[in-house]
N, C-alpha and C. Protein backbone atom coordinates (compact mmCIF):
# COMPACT_ATOMS: atom_id res chain seq x y z
N UNK A 1 16.23 -22.32 11.52
CA UNK A 1 17.08 -21.74 10.86
C UNK A 1 17.12 -21.38 9.31
N UNK A 2 17.51 -20.23 8.90
CA UNK A 2 17.05 -19.63 7.32
C UNK A 2 17.72 -20.90 6.73
N UNK A 3 17.37 -21.28 5.46
CA UNK A 3 17.43 -22.00 4.23
C UNK A 3 19.17 -21.44 3.89
N UNK A 4 19.40 -19.85 4.05
CA UNK A 4 20.66 -19.58 3.33
C UNK A 4 21.59 -20.36 4.19
N UNK A 5 21.30 -19.83 5.62
CA UNK A 5 22.44 -20.18 6.78
C UNK A 5 22.67 -22.24 6.78
N UNK A 6 21.68 -22.66 6.50
CA UNK A 6 21.94 -24.10 6.33
C UNK A 6 22.45 -24.54 5.01
N UNK A 7 22.44 -23.76 3.84
CA UNK A 7 23.09 -23.80 3.02
C UNK A 7 24.65 -23.50 3.23
N UNK A 8 24.80 -22.52 3.43
CA UNK A 8 26.28 -22.18 4.07
C UNK A 8 27.08 -23.17 4.93
N UNK A 9 26.30 -23.40 6.15
CA UNK A 9 26.89 -24.69 6.69
C UNK A 9 27.26 -26.03 5.86
N UNK A 10 26.38 -26.05 5.36
CA UNK A 10 26.24 -27.47 4.41
C UNK A 10 27.98 -27.30 3.47
N UNK A 11 27.88 -26.27 3.18
CA UNK A 11 29.04 -26.17 1.96
C UNK A 11 30.46 -26.11 3.20
N UNK A 12 30.23 -25.50 4.09
CA UNK A 12 31.64 -25.08 5.10
C UNK A 12 31.94 -26.78 5.40
N UNK A 13 30.93 -27.37 5.60
CA UNK A 13 31.13 -28.87 6.41
C UNK A 13 31.96 -29.60 4.93
N UNK A 14 31.27 -29.61 3.78
CA UNK A 14 31.90 -30.41 2.88
C UNK A 14 33.10 -29.74 2.18
N UNK A 15 33.62 -28.78 2.79
CA UNK A 15 34.92 -28.14 2.38
C UNK A 15 35.98 -29.04 3.74
N UNK A 16 35.60 -29.09 4.42
CA UNK A 16 36.30 -29.59 5.41
C UNK A 16 36.53 -31.04 5.25
N UNK A 17 35.69 -31.92 4.63
CA UNK A 17 36.08 -33.32 4.57
C UNK A 17 36.75 -33.45 3.31
N UNK A 18 36.94 -32.45 2.24
CA UNK A 18 37.37 -32.52 1.38
C UNK A 18 36.69 -33.13 0.06
N UNK A 19 35.65 -33.56 0.12
CA UNK A 19 34.73 -33.97 -0.60
C UNK A 19 34.03 -32.70 -1.84
N UNK A 20 34.92 -33.19 -2.90
CA UNK A 20 34.50 -31.86 -3.80
C UNK A 20 33.27 -32.77 -4.46
N UNK A 21 33.02 -33.75 -4.69
CA UNK A 21 31.50 -33.98 -4.95
C UNK A 21 30.28 -33.77 -4.11
N UNK A 22 30.69 -33.75 -2.87
CA UNK A 22 29.92 -33.10 -2.04
C UNK A 22 29.68 -31.99 -1.79
N UNK A 23 30.51 -31.12 -2.15
CA UNK A 23 30.37 -29.76 -2.53
C UNK A 23 29.62 -29.04 -3.31
N UNK A 24 30.15 -29.82 -4.54
CA UNK A 24 29.32 -29.57 -6.11
C UNK A 24 27.93 -29.79 -5.80
N UNK A 25 27.31 -30.98 -5.06
CA UNK A 25 25.70 -31.13 -4.77
C UNK A 25 25.48 -29.95 -3.71
N UNK A 26 25.89 -29.76 -2.60
CA UNK A 26 25.55 -28.83 -1.80
C UNK A 26 25.39 -27.48 -2.49
N UNK A 27 26.44 -27.08 -3.30
CA UNK A 27 26.54 -25.96 -4.19
C UNK A 27 24.95 -25.69 -4.85
N UNK A 28 24.85 -27.00 -5.43
CA UNK A 28 23.53 -27.16 -6.39
C UNK A 28 22.22 -27.18 -5.39
N UNK A 29 22.19 -27.49 -4.60
CA UNK A 29 21.28 -27.55 -3.74
C UNK A 29 20.78 -26.10 -3.39
N UNK A 30 22.20 -25.62 -2.93
CA UNK A 30 22.03 -23.75 -2.66
C UNK A 30 21.31 -22.75 -3.62
N UNK A 31 21.89 -23.41 -5.10
CA UNK A 31 21.49 -22.57 -6.00
C UNK A 31 19.95 -22.91 -6.43
N UNK A 32 19.33 -24.24 -6.16
CA UNK A 32 17.98 -24.50 -6.30
C UNK A 32 17.02 -23.66 -5.13
N UNK A 33 17.77 -23.96 -4.00
CA UNK A 33 16.99 -22.80 -2.98
C UNK A 33 17.16 -21.30 -3.45
N UNK A 34 18.00 -21.02 -3.69
CA UNK A 34 18.21 -19.56 -3.89
C UNK A 34 16.92 -19.18 -5.22
N UNK A 35 17.29 -20.03 -6.23
CA UNK A 35 16.09 -19.93 -7.45
C UNK A 35 14.23 -19.84 -6.91
N UNK A 36 14.27 -20.93 -5.91
CA UNK A 36 13.03 -21.24 -5.24
C UNK A 36 12.38 -19.56 -4.54
N UNK A 37 13.41 -19.17 -3.70
CA UNK A 37 13.53 -17.92 -2.97
C UNK A 37 13.38 -16.98 -3.86
N UNK A 38 13.54 -16.67 -5.29
CA UNK A 38 13.83 -15.89 -6.08
C UNK A 38 12.47 -16.05 -6.73
N UNK A 39 11.88 -17.21 -7.20
CA UNK A 39 10.39 -17.00 -7.69
C UNK A 39 9.39 -16.49 -6.48
N UNK A 40 9.70 -16.86 -5.25
CA UNK A 40 8.49 -16.24 -3.96
C UNK A 40 8.65 -14.79 -4.27
N UNK A 41 10.28 -14.19 -4.26
CA UNK A 41 10.25 -12.95 -4.28
C UNK A 41 9.53 -12.09 -5.39
N UNK A 42 9.56 -12.78 -6.67
CA UNK A 42 9.18 -12.32 -8.14
C UNK A 42 7.62 -12.63 -7.59
N UNK A 43 6.85 -13.24 -7.47
CA UNK A 43 5.65 -13.56 -7.00
C UNK A 43 4.94 -12.53 -6.13
N UNK A 44 5.58 -12.19 -4.69
CA UNK A 44 5.33 -11.30 -4.15
C UNK A 44 5.54 -9.90 -4.49
N UNK A 45 6.40 -9.71 -5.56
CA UNK A 45 6.64 -8.41 -6.12
C UNK A 45 5.41 -8.04 -7.00
N UNK A 46 5.40 -8.89 -7.90
CA UNK A 46 4.05 -8.86 -8.79
C UNK A 46 2.56 -8.83 -8.04
N UNK A 47 2.23 -9.08 -6.85
CA UNK A 47 1.30 -9.09 -6.24
C UNK A 47 1.28 -7.73 -5.52
N UNK A 48 2.49 -7.23 -5.25
CA UNK A 48 2.12 -6.13 -4.71
C UNK A 48 1.87 -4.87 -5.65
N UNK A 49 2.57 -5.07 -6.87
CA UNK A 49 2.16 -4.08 -7.91
C UNK A 49 0.91 -4.11 -8.41
N UNK A 50 0.15 -5.05 -8.54
CA UNK A 50 -1.17 -5.12 -8.64
C UNK A 50 -2.18 -4.66 -7.72
N UNK A 51 -1.78 -5.14 -6.20
CA UNK A 51 -2.54 -4.43 -5.38
C UNK A 51 -1.99 -2.69 -5.17
N UNK A 52 -0.91 -2.27 -5.66
CA UNK A 52 -0.95 -0.60 -5.53
C UNK A 52 -1.48 -0.29 -6.70
N UNK A 53 -1.50 -0.90 -7.84
CA UNK A 53 -1.96 -0.33 -8.94
C UNK A 53 -3.94 0.04 -8.63
N UNK A 54 -4.31 -1.53 -7.99
CA UNK A 54 -5.70 -1.35 -7.54
C UNK A 54 -6.18 -0.05 -6.46
N UNK A 55 -4.94 0.19 -5.53
CA UNK A 55 -5.33 0.94 -4.70
C UNK A 55 -5.15 2.26 -5.22
N UNK A 56 -4.58 2.60 -6.47
CA UNK A 56 -4.33 3.86 -6.98
C UNK A 56 -5.72 4.02 -7.69
N UNK A 57 -6.40 2.87 -8.27
CA UNK A 57 -7.93 2.80 -9.29
C UNK A 57 -8.68 3.31 -8.25
N UNK A 58 -8.57 2.58 -7.21
CA UNK A 58 -9.80 2.94 -6.20
C UNK A 58 -9.63 4.45 -5.59
N UNK A 59 -8.44 4.84 -5.24
CA UNK A 59 -8.46 6.20 -4.84
C UNK A 59 -9.00 7.45 -5.96
N UNK A 60 -8.56 6.68 -6.82
CA UNK A 60 -8.74 7.92 -8.00
C UNK A 60 -10.35 7.68 -8.19
N UNK A 61 -11.17 6.55 -8.07
CA UNK A 61 -12.41 6.72 -8.13
C UNK A 61 -13.19 7.58 -6.86
N UNK A 62 -12.64 7.19 -5.70
CA UNK A 62 -13.02 7.93 -4.53
C UNK A 62 -13.00 9.25 -4.71
N UNK A 63 -11.72 10.00 -5.56
CA UNK A 63 -11.77 11.21 -6.01
C UNK A 63 -12.90 11.96 -6.29
N UNK A 64 -13.13 11.00 -7.81
CA UNK A 64 -14.21 11.47 -8.39
C UNK A 64 -15.76 11.37 -7.83
N UNK A 65 -15.89 10.48 -6.69
CA UNK A 65 -16.98 10.66 -6.17
C UNK A 65 -17.12 11.83 -5.34
N UNK A 66 -15.75 12.62 -4.58
CA UNK A 66 -15.95 13.66 -3.84
C UNK A 66 -15.33 14.86 -4.31
N UNK A 67 -15.91 15.23 -5.78
CA UNK A 67 -15.35 16.43 -6.62
C UNK A 67 -14.94 17.78 -5.91
N UNK A 68 -16.11 17.85 -4.96
CA UNK A 68 -15.73 19.31 -4.40
C UNK A 68 -14.72 19.15 -3.25
N UNK A 69 -14.31 18.37 -2.84
CA UNK A 69 -13.53 18.45 -1.56
C UNK A 69 -12.12 17.66 -2.10
N UNK A 70 -12.12 16.90 -2.99
CA UNK A 70 -10.60 16.26 -3.51
C UNK A 70 -9.80 17.30 -4.10
N UNK A 71 -8.79 17.02 -3.48
CA UNK A 71 -7.63 18.12 -4.08
C UNK A 71 -6.24 17.03 -4.31
N UNK A 72 -5.40 17.15 -4.88
CA UNK A 72 -3.87 16.68 -5.30
C UNK A 72 -2.80 17.96 -4.38
N UNK A 73 -2.10 17.76 -3.77
CA UNK A 73 -1.08 18.86 -3.39
C UNK A 73 0.21 17.79 -3.46
N UNK A 74 1.41 18.35 -3.48
CA UNK A 74 2.97 17.87 -3.37
C UNK A 74 2.75 17.46 -1.80
N UNK A 75 3.59 16.56 -1.20
CA UNK A 75 3.84 16.04 -0.09
C UNK A 75 4.83 17.06 0.44
N UNK A 76 4.60 17.61 1.77
CA UNK A 76 5.68 18.90 1.82
C UNK A 76 6.98 17.96 2.71
N UNK A 77 6.81 16.86 2.75
CA UNK A 77 8.10 16.13 3.16
C UNK A 77 9.29 15.30 2.29
N UNK A 78 8.75 15.86 1.05
CA UNK A 78 9.55 15.22 -0.23
C UNK A 78 9.66 16.61 -1.07
N UNK A 79 10.86 16.12 -2.01
CA UNK A 79 11.47 17.24 -2.54
C UNK A 79 10.65 17.61 -4.05
N UNK A 80 10.86 17.78 -4.88
CA UNK A 80 10.00 18.25 -6.50
C UNK A 80 9.98 17.10 -6.95
N UNK A 81 8.66 16.76 -7.85
CA UNK A 81 8.67 15.52 -8.34
C UNK A 81 8.45 14.10 -7.51
N UNK A 82 8.31 14.55 -6.34
CA UNK A 82 8.20 13.51 -5.48
C UNK A 82 6.98 12.80 -5.19
N UNK A 83 6.42 12.51 -4.23
CA UNK A 83 5.19 12.11 -3.88
C UNK A 83 4.44 13.28 -3.48
N UNK A 84 2.94 12.86 -3.81
CA UNK A 84 1.63 13.88 -3.65
C UNK A 84 0.92 13.41 -2.47
N UNK A 85 -0.02 14.25 -2.27
CA UNK A 85 -1.14 13.37 -1.31
C UNK A 85 -2.40 13.66 -2.13
N UNK A 86 -3.01 12.62 -1.78
CA UNK A 86 -4.73 13.04 -2.30
C UNK A 86 -5.55 13.46 -0.86
N UNK A 87 -6.35 14.69 -0.86
CA UNK A 87 -6.83 14.67 0.44
C UNK A 87 -8.43 15.09 0.09
N UNK A 88 -9.11 14.75 0.73
CA UNK A 88 -10.24 14.89 0.34
C UNK A 88 -11.36 14.44 1.98
N UNK A 89 -12.78 15.21 1.75
CA UNK A 89 -13.60 15.40 3.24
C UNK A 89 -14.46 14.34 2.89
N UNK A 90 -14.52 13.32 3.96
CA UNK A 90 -15.72 12.41 4.12
C UNK A 90 -16.05 12.41 5.55
N UNK A 91 -17.38 12.34 5.65
CA UNK A 91 -17.94 11.90 6.91
C UNK A 91 -17.56 13.54 7.78
N UNK A 92 -17.59 14.66 7.44
CA UNK A 92 -17.21 15.70 8.05
C UNK A 92 -15.46 15.56 8.66
N UNK A 93 -14.46 14.88 7.90
CA UNK A 93 -13.31 14.82 8.42
C UNK A 93 -12.35 14.55 6.96
N UNK A 94 -11.17 15.24 7.33
CA UNK A 94 -10.50 15.46 6.10
C UNK A 94 -9.49 13.81 6.11
N UNK A 95 -9.37 13.49 5.08
CA UNK A 95 -8.67 12.31 5.16
C UNK A 95 -7.62 12.27 3.70
N UNK A 96 -6.29 11.56 3.70
CA UNK A 96 -5.36 11.93 2.99
C UNK A 96 -4.60 10.28 2.69
N UNK A 97 -3.90 10.35 1.61
CA UNK A 97 -3.38 9.18 1.18
C UNK A 97 -2.17 9.76 0.29
N UNK A 98 -1.01 9.08 0.28
CA UNK A 98 0.28 9.18 -0.21
C UNK A 98 -0.10 8.53 -1.67
N UNK A 99 0.51 9.52 -2.72
CA UNK A 99 0.45 9.02 -4.00
C UNK A 99 2.01 9.17 -4.52
N UNK A 100 2.40 8.11 -4.98
CA UNK A 100 3.64 7.67 -5.98
C UNK A 100 3.56 8.79 -7.35
N UNK A 101 4.50 9.22 -7.73
CA UNK A 101 5.04 10.12 -9.15
C UNK A 101 4.29 9.01 -9.87
N UNK A 102 3.97 7.81 -9.84
CA UNK A 102 3.70 7.27 -11.18
C UNK A 102 2.16 6.87 -11.22
N UNK A 103 1.55 7.31 -9.84
CA UNK A 103 0.21 7.05 -9.74
C UNK A 103 -0.53 8.41 -10.16
N UNK A 104 0.23 9.80 -10.52
CA UNK A 104 -0.39 10.97 -10.69
C UNK A 104 -1.54 10.90 -11.82
N UNK A 105 -1.08 10.56 -13.06
CA UNK A 105 -2.09 10.59 -14.56
C UNK A 105 -3.26 9.79 -14.29
N UNK A 106 -3.73 8.98 -13.14
CA UNK A 106 -5.13 8.59 -12.68
C UNK A 106 -5.59 9.86 -11.93
N UNK A 107 -4.79 10.85 -11.67
CA UNK A 107 -5.83 11.98 -10.55
C UNK A 107 -5.64 13.28 -11.71
N UNK A 108 -5.68 13.12 -12.78
CA UNK A 108 -5.84 14.08 -13.71
C UNK A 108 -7.07 14.96 -13.53
N UNK A 109 -8.16 14.12 -13.08
CA UNK A 109 -9.29 15.08 -12.79
C UNK A 109 -9.63 15.57 -11.43
N UNK A 110 -8.74 15.41 -10.67
CA UNK A 110 -8.99 16.13 -9.32
C UNK A 110 -7.82 17.64 -9.41
N UNK A 111 -8.76 18.58 -8.43
CA UNK A 111 -8.04 19.56 -8.61
C UNK A 111 -6.77 19.58 -7.96
N UNK A 112 -5.51 20.47 -8.28
CA UNK A 112 -4.05 20.32 -7.76
C UNK A 112 -4.21 21.50 -6.83
N UNK A 113 -3.72 21.80 -6.03
CA UNK A 113 -3.16 23.11 -4.95
C UNK A 113 -1.73 22.33 -4.54
N UNK A 114 -1.09 24.01 -4.08
CA UNK A 114 0.19 24.15 -3.71
C UNK A 114 -0.48 23.63 -2.23
N UNK A 115 0.68 22.95 -1.19
CA UNK A 115 0.54 22.68 0.44
C UNK A 115 0.29 23.91 0.96
N UNK A 116 -0.57 23.87 1.96
CA UNK A 116 -0.85 25.23 2.52
C UNK A 116 0.00 24.43 3.97
N UNK A 117 0.11 25.30 4.97
CA UNK A 117 0.39 25.33 6.45
C UNK A 117 -0.68 24.29 7.24
N UNK A 118 -0.17 23.26 7.79
CA UNK A 118 -1.39 22.34 8.27
C UNK A 118 -1.81 23.20 9.77
N UNK A 119 -3.00 23.16 9.77
CA UNK A 119 -3.57 24.18 11.24
C UNK A 119 -3.17 23.43 12.17
N UNK A 120 -3.06 24.01 13.38
CA UNK A 120 -2.44 23.13 14.36
C UNK A 120 -3.17 22.26 15.25
N UNK A 121 -2.55 21.22 15.78
CA UNK A 121 -3.94 20.16 16.14
C UNK A 121 -4.42 20.70 17.40
N UNK A 122 -5.50 20.07 17.70
CA UNK A 122 -6.35 20.83 18.82
C UNK A 122 -5.96 20.25 20.31
N UNK A 123 -5.91 20.57 20.89
CA UNK A 123 -5.77 19.79 22.37
C UNK A 123 -7.05 18.95 22.71
N UNK A 124 -7.02 18.00 23.29
CA UNK A 124 -8.53 17.39 23.84
C UNK A 124 -8.35 15.69 23.69
N UNK A 125 -9.91 15.31 23.24
CA UNK A 125 -9.26 14.18 23.15
C UNK A 125 -8.82 13.33 21.67
N UNK A 126 -8.51 12.29 21.85
CA UNK A 126 -7.65 11.79 20.32
C UNK A 126 -8.63 11.38 19.51
N UNK A 127 -8.30 12.17 18.26
CA UNK A 127 -8.91 12.14 17.08
C UNK A 127 -8.80 10.63 16.35
N UNK A 128 -10.27 9.79 16.12
CA UNK A 128 -9.88 8.30 15.79
C UNK A 128 -8.96 8.70 14.60
N UNK A 129 -8.11 7.30 14.56
CA UNK A 129 -7.26 7.23 13.25
C UNK A 129 -7.99 7.09 11.77
N UNK A 130 -7.44 7.37 10.91
CA UNK A 130 -8.26 7.16 9.46
C UNK A 130 -9.00 5.97 9.19
N UNK A 131 -8.60 4.89 9.14
CA UNK A 131 -9.04 3.69 9.02
C UNK A 131 -10.26 3.53 9.79
N UNK A 132 -10.35 3.75 11.11
CA UNK A 132 -11.54 3.61 11.84
C UNK A 132 -12.51 4.49 11.64
N UNK A 133 -12.01 5.72 11.17
CA UNK A 133 -13.33 6.66 10.75
C UNK A 133 -13.96 6.16 9.26
N UNK A 134 -13.41 5.67 8.75
CA UNK A 134 -13.67 5.30 7.16
C UNK A 134 -14.74 3.83 7.55
N UNK A 135 -14.06 3.11 8.41
CA UNK A 135 -15.05 1.96 8.60
C UNK A 135 -16.19 2.65 9.36
N UNK A 136 -16.16 3.33 10.16
CA UNK A 136 -17.25 3.88 10.82
C UNK A 136 -18.51 4.90 9.66
N UNK A 137 -17.67 5.35 9.05
CA UNK A 137 -18.48 6.31 8.02
C UNK A 137 -18.99 5.30 7.05
N UNK A 138 -18.77 4.27 6.86
CA UNK A 138 -19.02 3.29 5.67
C UNK A 138 -20.21 2.54 6.16
N UNK A 139 -20.10 2.08 7.49
CA UNK A 139 -21.50 1.46 8.21
C UNK A 139 -22.47 2.49 8.46
N UNK A 140 -22.09 3.66 8.45
CA UNK A 140 -23.19 4.61 8.58
C UNK A 140 -23.77 4.90 7.51
N UNK A 141 -23.19 4.67 6.22
CA UNK A 141 -23.80 4.98 4.72
C UNK A 141 -24.52 3.72 4.35
N UNK A 142 -24.03 2.70 4.67
CA UNK A 142 -24.91 1.56 4.56
C UNK A 142 -25.99 1.44 5.45
N UNK A 143 -25.97 1.80 6.54
CA UNK A 143 -27.33 1.84 7.52
C UNK A 143 -28.10 2.95 6.79
N UNK A 144 -27.77 4.10 6.33
CA UNK A 144 -28.74 5.31 5.52
C UNK A 144 -29.64 4.61 4.62
N UNK A 145 -28.76 3.57 3.96
CA UNK A 145 -29.15 3.01 2.43
C UNK A 145 -30.34 1.95 3.21
N UNK A 146 -29.91 1.37 3.88
CA UNK A 146 -31.01 0.69 4.42
C UNK A 146 -32.36 1.11 4.73
N UNK A 147 -32.15 2.24 5.58
CA UNK A 147 -33.02 2.56 6.03
C UNK A 147 -33.96 3.63 4.97
N UNK A 148 -33.27 4.00 4.07
CA UNK A 148 -34.32 4.87 2.86
C UNK A 148 -34.40 3.97 1.85
N UNK A 149 -34.56 2.49 1.93
CA UNK A 149 -34.51 1.87 0.65
C UNK A 149 -35.73 1.15 0.60
N UNK A 150 -36.88 1.40 -0.06
CA UNK A 150 -38.31 0.39 0.13
C UNK A 150 -38.39 -0.90 -0.20
N UNK A 151 -39.04 -1.87 1.02
CA UNK A 151 -38.74 -3.10 0.48
C UNK A 151 -39.71 -3.25 -0.88
N UNK A 152 -39.39 -4.55 -1.81
CA UNK A 152 -40.04 -4.53 -3.05
C UNK A 152 -41.32 -5.16 -2.50
N UNK A 153 -42.29 -4.87 -3.46
CA UNK A 153 -43.68 -5.46 -2.69
C UNK A 153 -43.50 -7.16 -3.31
N UNK A 154 -44.64 -7.54 -2.16
CA UNK A 154 -44.75 -9.37 -2.09
C UNK A 154 -45.34 -9.43 -3.54
């Protein structure tokens, strides 16, 4: 049972007995529980903000590594001043990520383009999702690096 519901049940129970002292203690317990959960929520919010900023930094870096194909466009499903998309080619596939307006200054080095009409999807075998493609491409690049690196002299 959720802690908030337990607190409420304790309050209702104490109310029925007429014990103001017990009611005050239960209310204090509920306030402490609320403060504890608020600290958890604040901690999660700070962590999410940190991770979101790191994601934006990594995407800006990735765009700098792919200057010929990287482009920022407004997302077609949002209004003006809203979300944008970072698009780039990697491993012969177009990849894209949503960028919130606050992250756009990190992408000043990336070409800006107006959105274009998306090409129609082709019929046939399902194209692997973006995360799978990135993992596969990363393994391929790592393997290529291992093949063309000469071992040090003994």
